[in-house]
PDB file of all heavy atoms in Angstrom:
ATOM      1  N   GLU A   1     -19.402  23.010 -14.079  1.00  0.00           N
ATOM      2  CA  GLU A   1     -19.048  23.031 -12.669  1.00  0.00           C
ATOM      3  C   GLU A   1     -19.249  21.605 -12.046  1.00  0.00           C
ATOM      4  O   GLU A   1     -18.376  21.173 -11.295  1.00  0.00           O
ATOM      5  CB  GLU A   1     -20.016  24.056 -11.925  1.00  0.00           C
ATOM      6  CG  GLU A   1     -19.672  24.238 -10.493  1.00  0.00           C
ATOM      7  CD  GLU A   1     -19.036  25.579 -10.283  1.00  0.00           C
ATOM      8  OE1 GLU A   1     -18.911  26.393 -11.193  1.00  0.00           O
ATOM      9  OE2 GLU A   1     -18.663  25.835  -9.066  1.00  0.00           O
ATOM     10  N   ALA A   2     -20.275  20.954 -12.442  1.00  0.00           N
ATOM     11  CA  ALA A   2     -20.544  19.540 -11.929  1.00  0.00           C
ATOM     12  C   ALA A   2     -19.398  18.614 -12.374  1.00  0.00           C
ATOM     13  O   ALA A   2     -18.915  17.811 -11.623  1.00  0.00           O
ATOM     14  CB  ALA A   2     -21.885  19.053 -12.370  1.00  0.00           C
ATOM     15  N   ASP A   3     -19.042  18.719 -13.670  1.00  0.00           N
ATOM     16  CA  ASP A   3     -17.987  17.923 -14.212  1.00  0.00           C
ATOM     17  C   ASP A   3     -16.620  18.230 -13.494  1.00  0.00           C
ATOM     18  O   ASP A   3     -15.884  17.279 -13.157  1.00  0.00           O
ATOM     19  CB  ASP A   3     -17.799  18.150 -15.682  1.00  0.00           C
ATOM     20  CG  ASP A   3     -18.870  17.522 -16.513  1.00  0.00           C
ATOM     21  OD1 ASP A   3     -19.567  16.633 -16.009  1.00  0.00           O
ATOM     22  OD2 ASP A   3     -19.011  17.981 -17.716  1.00  0.00           O
ATOM     23  N   GLU A   4     -16.393  19.507 -13.140  1.00  0.00           N
ATOM     24  CA  GLU A   4     -15.110  19.820 -12.510  1.00  0.00           C
ATOM     25  C   GLU A   4     -15.069  19.242 -11.113  1.00  0.00           C
ATOM     26  O   GLU A   4     -14.021  18.825 -10.603  1.00  0.00           O
ATOM     27  CB  GLU A   4     -14.946  21.317 -12.518  1.00  0.00           C
ATOM     28  CG  GLU A   4     -14.507  21.892 -13.865  1.00  0.00           C
ATOM     29  CD  GLU A   4     -14.487  23.378 -13.930  1.00  0.00           C
ATOM     30  OE1 GLU A   4     -14.908  24.063 -12.998  1.00  0.00           O
ATOM     31  OE2 GLU A   4     -13.984  23.885 -15.003  1.00  0.00           O
ATOM     32  N   HIS A   5     -16.200  19.321 -10.380  1.00  0.00           N
ATOM     33  CA  HIS A   5     -16.262  18.688  -9.040  1.00  0.00           C
ATOM     34  C   HIS A   5     -16.061  17.181  -9.069  1.00  0.00           C
ATOM     35  O   HIS A   5     -15.335  16.659  -8.286  1.00  0.00           O
ATOM     36  CB  HIS A   5     -17.623  19.026  -8.348  1.00  0.00           C
ATOM     37  CG  HIS A   5     -17.806  20.457  -7.909  1.00  0.00           C
ATOM     38  ND1 HIS A   5     -16.956  20.994  -6.954  1.00  0.00           N
ATOM     39  CD2 HIS A   5     -18.596  21.447  -8.293  1.00  0.00           C
ATOM     40  CE1 HIS A   5     -17.242  22.248  -6.766  1.00  0.00           C
ATOM     41  NE2 HIS A   5     -18.289  22.520  -7.629  1.00  0.00           N
ATOM     42  N   ARG A   6     -16.720  16.535 -10.059  1.00  0.00           N
ATOM     43  CA  ARG A   6     -16.607  15.111 -10.276  1.00  0.00           C
ATOM     44  C   ARG A   6     -15.079  14.793 -10.608  1.00  0.00           C
ATOM     45  O   ARG A   6     -14.577  13.785 -10.018  1.00  0.00           O
ATOM     46  CB  ARG A   6     -17.494  14.613 -11.390  1.00  0.00           C
ATOM     47  CG  ARG A   6     -17.546  13.108 -11.423  1.00  0.00           C
ATOM     48  CD  ARG A   6     -18.612  12.696 -12.462  1.00  0.00           C
ATOM     49  NE  ARG A   6     -19.909  13.195 -12.247  1.00  0.00           N
ATOM     50  CZ  ARG A   6     -20.552  14.077 -13.040  1.00  0.00           C
ATOM     51  NH1 ARG A   6     -19.908  14.582 -14.168  1.00  0.00           N
ATOM     52  NH2 ARG A   6     -21.725  14.495 -12.776  1.00  0.00           N
ATOM     53  N   ALA A   7     -14.451  15.522 -11.510  1.00  0.00           N
ATOM     54  CA  ALA A   7     -13.158  15.250 -11.906  1.00  0.00           C
ATOM     55  C   ALA A   7     -12.169  15.455 -10.715  1.00  0.00           C
ATOM     56  O   ALA A   7     -11.192  14.648 -10.627  1.00  0.00           O
ATOM     57  CB  ALA A   7     -12.769  16.249 -13.054  1.00  0.00           C
ATOM     58  N   LEU A   8     -12.451  16.399  -9.870  1.00  0.00           N
ATOM     59  CA  LEU A   8     -11.586  16.563  -8.672  1.00  0.00           C
ATOM     60  C   LEU A   8     -11.653  15.332  -7.807  1.00  0.00           C
ATOM     61  O   LEU A   8     -10.537  14.898  -7.292  1.00  0.00           O
ATOM     62  CB  LEU A   8     -12.050  17.798  -7.857  1.00  0.00           C
ATOM     63  CG  LEU A   8     -11.232  18.062  -6.565  1.00  0.00           C
ATOM     64  CD1 LEU A   8      -9.773  18.302  -6.897  1.00  0.00           C
ATOM     65  CD2 LEU A   8     -11.843  19.250  -5.816  1.00  0.00           C
ATOM     66  N   ARG A   9     -12.790  14.768  -7.598  1.00  0.00           N
ATOM     67  CA  ARG A   9     -12.916  13.521  -6.860  1.00  0.00           C
ATOM     68  C   ARG A   9     -12.097  12.391  -7.472  1.00  0.00           C
ATOM     69  O   ARG A   9     -11.410  11.621  -6.772  1.00  0.00           O
ATOM     70  CB  ARG A   9     -14.392  13.108  -6.715  1.00  0.00           C
ATOM     71  CG  ARG A   9     -15.301  14.027  -5.997  1.00  0.00           C
ATOM     72  CD  ARG A   9     -14.919  14.121  -4.573  1.00  0.00           C
ATOM     73  NE  ARG A   9     -15.828  15.005  -3.895  1.00  0.00           N
ATOM     74  CZ  ARG A   9     -16.364  14.780  -2.698  1.00  0.00           C
ATOM     75  NH1 ARG A   9     -16.106  13.637  -2.086  1.00  0.00           N
ATOM     76  NH2 ARG A   9     -17.168  15.755  -2.159  1.00  0.00           N
ATOM     77  N   TYR A  10     -12.212  12.295  -8.803  1.00  0.00           N
ATOM     78  CA  TYR A  10     -11.425  11.229  -9.518  1.00  0.00           C
ATOM     79  C   TYR A  10      -9.933  11.512  -9.379  1.00  0.00           C
ATOM     80  O   TYR A  10      -9.172  10.590  -9.223  1.00  0.00           O
ATOM     81  CB  TYR A  10     -11.802  11.181 -10.986  1.00  0.00           C
ATOM     82  CG  TYR A  10     -13.185  10.672 -11.216  1.00  0.00           C
ATOM     83  CD1 TYR A  10     -13.982  11.196 -12.291  1.00  0.00           C
ATOM     84  CD2 TYR A  10     -13.726   9.612 -10.576  1.00  0.00           C
ATOM     85  CE1 TYR A  10     -15.253  10.641 -12.557  1.00  0.00           C
ATOM     86  CE2 TYR A  10     -14.961   9.094 -10.785  1.00  0.00           C
ATOM     87  CZ  TYR A  10     -15.721   9.633 -11.845  1.00  0.00           C
ATOM     88  OH  TYR A  10     -16.963   9.136 -12.095  1.00  0.00           O
ATOM     89  N   ASP A  11      -9.525  12.777  -9.396  1.00  0.00           N
ATOM     90  CA  ASP A  11      -8.084  13.116  -9.355  1.00  0.00           C
ATOM     91  C   ASP A  11      -7.564  12.729  -7.957  1.00  0.00           C
ATOM     92  O   ASP A  11      -6.441  12.194  -7.875  1.00  0.00           O
ATOM     93  CB  ASP A  11      -7.920  14.623  -9.631  1.00  0.00           C
ATOM     94  CG  ASP A  11      -8.046  14.987 -11.062  1.00  0.00           C
ATOM     95  OD1 ASP A  11      -8.122  14.112 -11.927  1.00  0.00           O
ATOM     96  OD2 ASP A  11      -8.308  16.163 -11.329  1.00  0.00           O
ATOM     97  N   VAL A  12      -8.296  13.028  -6.924  1.00  0.00           N
ATOM     98  CA  VAL A  12      -7.839  12.665  -5.540  1.00  0.00           C
ATOM     99  C   VAL A  12      -7.822  11.126  -5.435  1.00  0.00           C
ATOM    100  O   VAL A  12      -6.827  10.585  -4.891  1.00  0.00           O
ATOM    101  CB  VAL A  12      -8.781  13.307  -4.495  1.00  0.00           C
ATOM    102  CG1 VAL A  12      -8.382  12.781  -3.118  1.00  0.00           C
ATOM    103  CG2 VAL A  12      -8.662  14.826  -4.533  1.00  0.00           C
ATOM    104  N   GLY A  13      -8.815  10.572  -5.927  1.00  0.00           N
ATOM    105  CA  GLY A  13      -8.822   9.047  -5.921  1.00  0.00           C
ATOM    106  C   GLY A  13      -7.676   8.421  -6.657  1.00  0.00           C
ATOM    107  O   GLY A  13      -6.977   7.503  -6.208  1.00  0.00           O
ATOM    108  N   GLU A  14      -7.366   9.052  -7.852  1.00  0.00           N
ATOM    109  CA  GLU A  14      -6.228   8.581  -8.632  1.00  0.00           C
ATOM    110  C   GLU A  14      -5.004   8.744  -7.887  1.00  0.00           C
ATOM    111  O   GLU A  14      -4.084   7.837  -7.871  1.00  0.00           O
ATOM    112  CB  GLU A  14      -6.211   9.372  -9.932  1.00  0.00           C
ATOM    113  CG  GLU A  14      -5.174   8.971 -10.908  1.00  0.00           C
ATOM    114  CD  GLU A  14      -5.182   9.836 -12.201  1.00  0.00           C
ATOM    115  OE1 GLU A  14      -6.066  10.690 -12.332  1.00  0.00           O
ATOM    116  OE2 GLU A  14      -4.275   9.660 -13.006  1.00  0.00           O
ATOM    117  N   GLY A  15      -4.768   9.858  -7.267  1.00  0.00           N
ATOM    118  CA  GLY A  15      -3.519  10.077  -6.517  1.00  0.00           C
ATOM    119  C   GLY A  15      -3.387   9.117  -5.375  1.00  0.00           C
ATOM    120  O   GLY A  15      -2.290   8.569  -5.139  1.00  0.00           O
ATOM    121  N   LEU A  16      -4.449   8.837  -4.589  1.00  0.00           N
ATOM    122  CA  LEU A  16      -4.391   7.879  -3.476  1.00  0.00           C
ATOM    123  C   LEU A  16      -4.141   6.487  -3.966  1.00  0.00           C
ATOM    124  O   LEU A  16      -3.371   5.715  -3.297  1.00  0.00           O
ATOM    125  CB  LEU A  16      -5.657   8.048  -2.648  1.00  0.00           C
ATOM    126  CG  LEU A  16      -5.835   9.228  -1.792  1.00  0.00           C
ATOM    127  CD1 LEU A  16      -7.226   9.351  -1.276  1.00  0.00           C
ATOM    128  CD2 LEU A  16      -4.753   9.231  -0.711  1.00  0.00           C
ATOM    129  N   LEU A  17      -4.744   6.143  -5.132  1.00  0.00           N
ATOM    130  CA  LEU A  17      -4.464   4.816  -5.687  1.00  0.00           C
ATOM    131  C   LEU A  17      -3.069   4.627  -6.066  1.00  0.00           C
ATOM    132  O   LEU A  17      -2.390   3.578  -5.893  1.00  0.00           O
ATOM    133  CB  LEU A  17      -5.446   4.473  -6.806  1.00  0.00           C
ATOM    134  CG  LEU A  17      -6.852   4.172  -6.400  1.00  0.00           C
ATOM    135  CD1 LEU A  17      -7.746   4.297  -7.628  1.00  0.00           C
ATOM    136  CD2 LEU A  17      -6.916   2.792  -5.822  1.00  0.00           C
ATOM    137  N   GLU A  18      -2.451   5.692  -6.671  1.00  0.00           N
ATOM    138  CA  GLU A  18      -1.048   5.694  -7.073  1.00  0.00           C
ATOM    139  C   GLU A  18      -0.148   5.493  -5.838  1.00  0.00           C
ATOM    140  O   GLU A  18       0.795   4.697  -5.857  1.00  0.00           O
ATOM    141  CB  GLU A  18      -0.706   6.966  -7.844  1.00  0.00           C
ATOM    142  CG  GLU A  18      -1.195   7.044  -9.219  1.00  0.00           C
ATOM    143  CD  GLU A  18      -0.866   8.346  -9.874  1.00  0.00           C
ATOM    144  OE1 GLU A  18      -0.343   9.256  -9.263  1.00  0.00           O
ATOM    145  OE2 GLU A  18      -1.306   8.504 -11.055  1.00  0.00           O
ATOM    146  N   ILE A  19      -0.493   6.236  -4.779  1.00  0.00           N
ATOM    147  CA  ILE A  19       0.275   6.125  -3.533  1.00  0.00           C
ATOM    148  C   ILE A  19       0.166   4.703  -2.976  1.00  0.00           C
ATOM    149  O   ILE A  19       1.185   4.088  -2.502  1.00  0.00           O
ATOM    150  CB  ILE A  19      -0.217   7.180  -2.515  1.00  0.00           C
ATOM    151  CG1 ILE A  19       0.191   8.587  -2.950  1.00  0.00           C
ATOM    152  CG2 ILE A  19       0.360   6.860  -1.100  1.00  0.00           C
ATOM    153  CD1 ILE A  19      -0.402   9.676  -2.204  1.00  0.00           C
ATOM    154  N   GLY A  20      -1.057   4.165  -3.054  1.00  0.00           N
ATOM    155  CA  GLY A  20      -1.253   2.776  -2.525  1.00  0.00           C
ATOM    156  C   GLY A  20      -0.467   1.769  -3.382  1.00  0.00           C
ATOM    157  O   GLY A  20       0.127   0.853  -2.771  1.00  0.00           O
ATOM    158  N   LEU A  21      -0.442   1.968  -4.618  1.00  0.00           N
ATOM    159  CA  LEU A  21       0.340   1.070  -5.505  1.00  0.00           C
ATOM    160  C   LEU A  21       1.817   1.086  -5.187  1.00  0.00           C
ATOM    161  O   LEU A  21       2.487   0.084  -5.068  1.00  0.00           O
ATOM    162  CB  LEU A  21       0.093   1.383  -6.957  1.00  0.00           C
ATOM    163  CG  LEU A  21       0.786   0.529  -7.983  1.00  0.00           C
ATOM    164  CD1 LEU A  21       0.333  -0.981  -7.832  1.00  0.00           C
ATOM    165  CD2 LEU A  21       0.440   1.011  -9.412  1.00  0.00           C
ATOM    166  N   VAL A  22       2.366   2.269  -5.054  1.00  0.00           N
ATOM    167  CA  VAL A  22       3.842   2.443  -4.729  1.00  0.00           C
ATOM    168  C   VAL A  22       4.127   1.852  -3.313  1.00  0.00           C
ATOM    169  O   VAL A  22       5.089   1.147  -3.228  1.00  0.00           O
ATOM    170  CB  VAL A  22       4.184   3.935  -4.856  1.00  0.00           C
ATOM    171  CG1 VAL A  22       5.600   4.145  -4.318  1.00  0.00           C
ATOM    172  CG2 VAL A  22       4.094   4.413  -6.265  1.00  0.00           C
ATOM    173  N   LEU A  23       3.277   2.210  -2.399  1.00  0.00           N
ATOM    174  CA  LEU A  23       3.558   1.709  -1.009  1.00  0.00           C
ATOM    175  C   LEU A  23       3.495   0.173  -1.000  1.00  0.00           C
ATOM    176  O   LEU A  23       4.339  -0.454  -0.420  1.00  0.00           O
ATOM    177  CB  LEU A  23       2.513   2.265  -0.043  1.00  0.00           C
ATOM    178  CG  LEU A  23       2.685   3.741   0.386  1.00  0.00           C
ATOM    179  CD1 LEU A  23       1.534   4.268   1.225  1.00  0.00           C
ATOM    180  CD2 LEU A  23       4.037   3.885   1.123  1.00  0.00           C
ATOM    181  N   SER A  24       2.555  -0.447  -1.675  1.00  0.00           N
ATOM    182  CA  SER A  24       2.399  -1.851  -1.682  1.00  0.00           C
ATOM    183  C   SER A  24       3.650  -2.509  -2.356  1.00  0.00           C
ATOM    184  O   SER A  24       4.132  -3.541  -1.957  1.00  0.00           O
ATOM    185  CB  SER A  24       1.173  -2.310  -2.451  1.00  0.00           C
ATOM    186  OG  SER A  24       0.019  -1.889  -1.771  1.00  0.00           O
ATOM    187  N   SER A  25       4.173  -1.795  -3.422  1.00  0.00           N
ATOM    188  CA  SER A  25       5.325  -2.344  -4.070  1.00  0.00           C
ATOM    189  C   SER A  25       6.600  -2.314  -3.269  1.00  0.00           C
ATOM    190  O   SER A  25       7.535  -3.079  -3.543  1.00  0.00           O
ATOM    191  CB  SER A  25       5.482  -1.577  -5.414  1.00  0.00           C
ATOM    192  OG  SER A  25       4.405  -1.689  -6.265  1.00  0.00           O
ATOM    193  N   LEU A  26       6.657  -1.416  -2.251  1.00  0.00           N
ATOM    194  CA  LEU A  26       7.845  -1.337  -1.399  1.00  0.00           C
ATOM    195  C   LEU A  26       8.030  -2.610  -0.605  1.00  0.00           C
ATOM    196  O   LEU A  26       9.147  -2.854  -0.137  1.00  0.00           O
ATOM    197  CB  LEU A  26       7.703  -0.140  -0.515  1.00  0.00           C
ATOM    198  CG  LEU A  26       7.927   1.263  -1.184  1.00  0.00           C
ATOM    199  CD1 LEU A  26       7.737   2.352  -0.228  1.00  0.00           C
ATOM    200  CD2 LEU A  26       9.264   1.342  -1.876  1.00  0.00           C
ATOM    201  N   TYR A  27       7.001  -3.453  -0.469  1.00  0.00           N
ATOM    202  CA  TYR A  27       7.122  -4.724   0.222  1.00  0.00           C
ATOM    203  C   TYR A  27       8.195  -5.589  -0.446  1.00  0.00           C
ATOM    204  O   TYR A  27       9.005  -6.219   0.227  1.00  0.00           O
ATOM    205  CB  TYR A  27       5.823  -5.532   0.173  1.00  0.00           C
ATOM    206  CG  TYR A  27       5.991  -6.916   0.725  1.00  0.00           C
ATOM    207  CD1 TYR A  27       6.115  -7.208   2.035  1.00  0.00           C
ATOM    208  CD2 TYR A  27       6.145  -7.967  -0.263  1.00  0.00           C
ATOM    209  CE1 TYR A  27       6.289  -8.479   2.465  1.00  0.00           C
ATOM    210  CE2 TYR A  27       6.272  -9.257   0.174  1.00  0.00           C
ATOM    211  CZ  TYR A  27       6.422  -9.552   1.587  1.00  0.00           C
ATOM    212  OH  TYR A  27       6.574 -10.801   1.966  1.00  0.00           O
ATOM    213  N   PHE A  28       8.306  -5.552  -1.803  1.00  0.00           N
ATOM    214  CA  PHE A  28       9.208  -6.401  -2.498  1.00  0.00           C
ATOM    215  C   PHE A  28      10.674  -5.992  -2.252  1.00  0.00           C
ATOM    216  O   PHE A  28      11.605  -6.747  -2.473  1.00  0.00           O
ATOM    217  CB  PHE A  28       8.868  -6.453  -3.971  1.00  0.00           C
ATOM    218  CG  PHE A  28       7.521  -7.055  -4.244  1.00  0.00           C
ATOM    219  CD1 PHE A  28       6.466  -6.220  -4.584  1.00  0.00           C
ATOM    220  CD2 PHE A  28       7.317  -8.385  -4.022  1.00  0.00           C
ATOM    221  CE1 PHE A  28       5.224  -6.763  -4.827  1.00  0.00           C
ATOM    222  CE2 PHE A  28       6.021  -8.959  -4.226  1.00  0.00           C
ATOM    223  CZ  PHE A  28       5.001  -8.155  -4.605  1.00  0.00           C
ATOM    224  N   ILE A  29      10.929  -4.746  -1.870  1.00  0.00           N
ATOM    225  CA  ILE A  29      12.258  -4.268  -1.529  1.00  0.00           C
ATOM    226  C   ILE A  29      12.611  -4.526  -0.081  1.00  0.00           C
ATOM    227  O   ILE A  29      13.657  -5.014   0.292  1.00  0.00           O
ATOM    228  CB  ILE A  29      12.411  -2.808  -1.862  1.00  0.00           C
ATOM    229  CG1 ILE A  29      12.263  -2.506  -3.350  1.00  0.00           C
ATOM    230  CG2 ILE A  29      13.741  -2.285  -1.401  1.00  0.00           C
ATOM    231  CD1 ILE A  29      12.163  -1.097  -3.777  1.00  0.00           C
ATOM    232  N   SER A  30      11.612  -4.203   0.823  1.00  0.00           N
ATOM    233  CA  SER A  30      11.845  -4.218   2.228  1.00  0.00           C
ATOM    234  C   SER A  30      11.392  -5.527   2.936  1.00  0.00           C
ATOM    235  O   SER A  30      11.853  -5.771   4.059  1.00  0.00           O
ATOM    236  CB  SER A  30      11.172  -3.087   2.874  1.00  0.00           C
ATOM    237  OG  SER A  30       9.804  -3.238   2.845  1.00  0.00           O
TER     238      SER A  30
END
């Protein structure tokens, strides 16, 4: 249970970091 809660935090962090990377990369187009 503790590992699953920790993994959920990492998964949300991972998703937000991916979004941040994609958004930052849009500068080079726009």
